[in-house]
């Protein structure tokens, strides 16, 4: 009777270990599939980053042009006031 209980417990534990091994094999297969499907994305850089950098560069250039034009207009205003002071 005691031996049969011990054997049943051992069989139950072995069955649980087999179930865990099967689950682990399934997870390993899923990981391999997902790794294979994601691998191309690791080496490819998205185009959106390059496009975003181009837009940022363009905005910076436009801001610079605007600053220069504002400075030119301010210079013209100062010169015109100086011209009027001679009269």
C-alpha atoms as a PDB file:
ATOM      1  CA  UNK A   1       0.000   0.000   0.000  1.00  0.00           C
ATOM      2  CA  UNK A   2       2.751   2.477   0.877  1.00  0.00           C
ATOM      3  CA  UNK A   3       4.737   1.449  -2.151  1.00  0.00           C
ATOM      4  CA  UNK A   4       1.748   1.975  -4.455  1.00  0.00           C
ATOM      5  CA  UNK A   5       1.278   5.512  -3.074  1.00  0.00           C
ATOM      6  CA  UNK A   6       4.940   6.320  -3.611  1.00  0.00           C
ATOM      7  CA  UNK A   7       4.782   4.927  -7.144  1.00  0.00           C
ATOM      8  CA  UNK A   8       1.641   6.970  -7.891  1.00  0.00           C
ATOM      9  CA  UNK A   9       3.292  10.130  -6.578  1.00  0.00           C
ATOM     10  CA  UNK A  10       6.379   9.465  -8.678  1.00  0.00           C
ATOM     11  CA  UNK A  11       4.291   8.816 -11.767  1.00  0.00           C
ATOM     12  CA  UNK A  12       2.331  12.034 -11.156  1.00  0.00           C
ATOM     13  CA  UNK A  13       5.533  14.057 -10.744  1.00  0.00           C
ATOM     14  CA  UNK A  14       7.065  12.481 -13.827  1.00  0.00           C
ATOM     15  CA  UNK A  15       3.908  13.283 -15.781  1.00  0.00           C
ATOM     16  CA  UNK A  16       4.123  16.917 -14.630  1.00  0.00           C
ATOM     17  CA  UNK A  17       7.753  17.081 -15.706  1.00  0.00           C
ATOM     18  CA  UNK A  18       6.847  15.618 -19.104  1.00  0.00           C
ATOM     19  CA  UNK A  19       4.095  18.219 -19.464  1.00  0.00           C
ATOM     20  CA  UNK A  20       6.579  20.954 -18.578  1.00  0.00           C
ATOM     21  CA  UNK A  21       9.045  19.620 -21.150  1.00  0.00           C
ATOM     22  CA  UNK A  22       6.349  19.573 -23.837  1.00  0.00           C
ATOM     23  CA  UNK A  23       5.351  23.167 -22.946  1.00  0.00           C
ATOM     24  CA  UNK A  24       8.984  24.206 -23.102  1.00  0.00           C
ATOM     25  CA  UNK A  25       9.373  22.605 -26.540  1.00  0.00           C
ATOM     26  CA  UNK A  26       6.299  24.475 -27.781  1.00  0.00           C
ATOM     27  CA  UNK A  27       7.601  27.759 -26.400  1.00  0.00           C
ATOM     28  CA  UNK A  28      10.990  27.119 -27.997  1.00  0.00           C
ATOM     29  CA  UNK A  29       9.330  26.500 -31.363  1.00  0.00           C
ATOM     30  CA  UNK A  30       7.251  29.670 -31.017  1.00  0.00           C
ATOM     31  CA  UNK A  31      10.351  31.641 -30.090  1.00  0.00           C
ATOM     32  CA  UNK A  32      12.221  30.313 -33.129  1.00  0.00           C
ATOM     33  CA  UNK A  33       9.333  31.224 -35.443  1.00  0.00           C
ATOM     34  CA  UNK A  34       9.050  34.704 -34.001  1.00  0.00           C
ATOM     35  CA  UNK A  35      12.794  35.215 -34.086  1.00  0.00           C
ATOM     36  CA  UNK A  36      12.873  34.192 -37.740  1.00  0.00           C
ATOM     37  CA  UNK A  37       9.992  36.521 -38.609  1.00  0.00           C
ATOM     38  CA  UNK A  38      11.563  39.497 -36.786  1.00  0.00           C
ATOM     39  CA  UNK A  39      15.126  38.986 -38.018  1.00  0.00           C
ATOM     40  CA  UNK A  40      14.756  41.064 -41.212  1.00  0.00           C
ATOM     41  CA  UNK A  41      13.585  44.043 -39.133  1.00  0.00           C
ATOM     42  CA  UNK A  42      16.784  44.065 -37.097  1.00  0.00           C
ATOM     43  CA  UNK A  43      18.979  45.016 -40.039  1.00  0.00           C
ATOM     44  CA  UNK A  44      16.648  47.371 -41.901  1.00  0.00           C
ATOM     45  CA  UNK A  45      16.447  50.991 -40.845  1.00  0.00           C
ATOM     46  CA  UNK A  46      13.027  52.535 -41.466  1.00  0.00           C
ATOM     47  CA  UNK A  47      12.770  55.278 -44.072  1.00  0.00           C
ATOM     48  CA  UNK A  48      10.712  57.421 -41.738  1.00  0.00           C
ATOM     49  CA  UNK A  49      13.790  58.301 -39.691  1.00  0.00           C
ATOM     50  CA  UNK A  50      15.556  59.649 -42.768  1.00  0.00           C
ATOM     51  CA  UNK A  51      12.441  61.553 -43.818  1.00  0.00           C
ATOM     52  CA  UNK A  52      12.074  63.038 -40.353  1.00  0.00           C
ATOM     53  CA  UNK A  53      15.702  64.153 -40.328  1.00  0.00           C
ATOM     54  CA  UNK A  54      15.203  65.777 -43.739  1.00  0.00           C
ATOM     55  CA  UNK A  55      12.158  67.673 -42.462  1.00  0.00           C
ATOM     56  CA  UNK A  56      14.029  68.818 -39.347  1.00  0.00           C
ATOM     57  CA  UNK A  57      16.932  69.984 -41.502  1.00  0.00           C
ATOM     58  CA  UNK A  58      14.566  71.836 -43.829  1.00  0.00           C
ATOM     59  CA  UNK A  59      12.841  73.564 -40.895  1.00  0.00           C
ATOM     60  CA  UNK A  60      16.230  74.612 -39.489  1.00  0.00           C
ATOM     61  CA  UNK A  61      17.241  76.060 -42.873  1.00  0.00           C
ATOM     62  CA  UNK A  62      13.960  77.965 -43.148  1.00  0.00           C
ATOM     63  CA  UNK A  63      14.349  79.362 -39.641  1.00  0.00           C
ATOM     64  CA  UNK A  64      17.851  80.507 -40.496  1.00  0.00           C
ATOM     65  CA  UNK A  65      16.649  82.238 -43.670  1.00  0.00           C
ATOM     66  CA  UNK A  66      13.885  83.938 -41.702  1.00  0.00           C
ATOM     67  CA  UNK A  67      16.348  85.179 -39.074  1.00  0.00           C
ATOM     68  CA  UNK A  68      18.568  86.619 -41.812  1.00  0.00           C
ATOM     69  CA  UNK A  69      15.646  88.360 -43.505  1.00  0.00           C
ATOM     70  CA  UNK A  70      14.467  89.827 -40.214  1.00  0.00           C
ATOM     71  CA  UNK A  71      18.005  91.070 -39.545  1.00  0.00           C
ATOM     72  CA  UNK A  72      18.158  92.589 -43.037  1.00  0.00           C
ATOM     73  CA  UNK A  73      14.821  94.338 -42.511  1.00  0.00           C
ATOM     74  CA  UNK A  74      15.987  95.708 -39.171  1.00  0.00           C
ATOM     75  CA  UNK A  75      19.185  96.960 -40.810  1.00  0.00           C
ATOM     76  CA  UNK A  76      17.140  98.676 -43.525  1.00  0.00           C
ATOM     77  CA  UNK A  77      14.913 100.320 -40.941  1.00  0.00           C
ATOM     78  CA  UNK A  78      17.943 101.638 -39.037  1.00  0.00           C
ATOM     79  CA  UNK A  79      19.505 102.973 -42.247  1.00  0.00           C
ATOM     80  CA  UNK A  80      16.308 104.707 -43.318  1.00  0.00           C
ATOM     81  CA  UNK A  81      15.991 106.463 -39.960  1.00  0.00           C
ATOM     82  CA  UNK A  82      19.609 107.561 -40.257  1.00  0.00           C
ATOM     83  CA  UNK A  83      18.904 108.991 -43.703  1.00  0.00           C
ATOM     84  CA  UNK A  84      16.017 111.048 -42.329  1.00  0.00           C
ATOM     85  CA  UNK A  85      18.187 112.460 -39.565  1.00  0.00           C
ATOM     86  CA  UNK A  86      20.367 114.250 -42.136  1.00  0.00           C
ATOM     87  CA  UNK A  87      17.417 116.307 -43.304  1.00  0.00           C
END
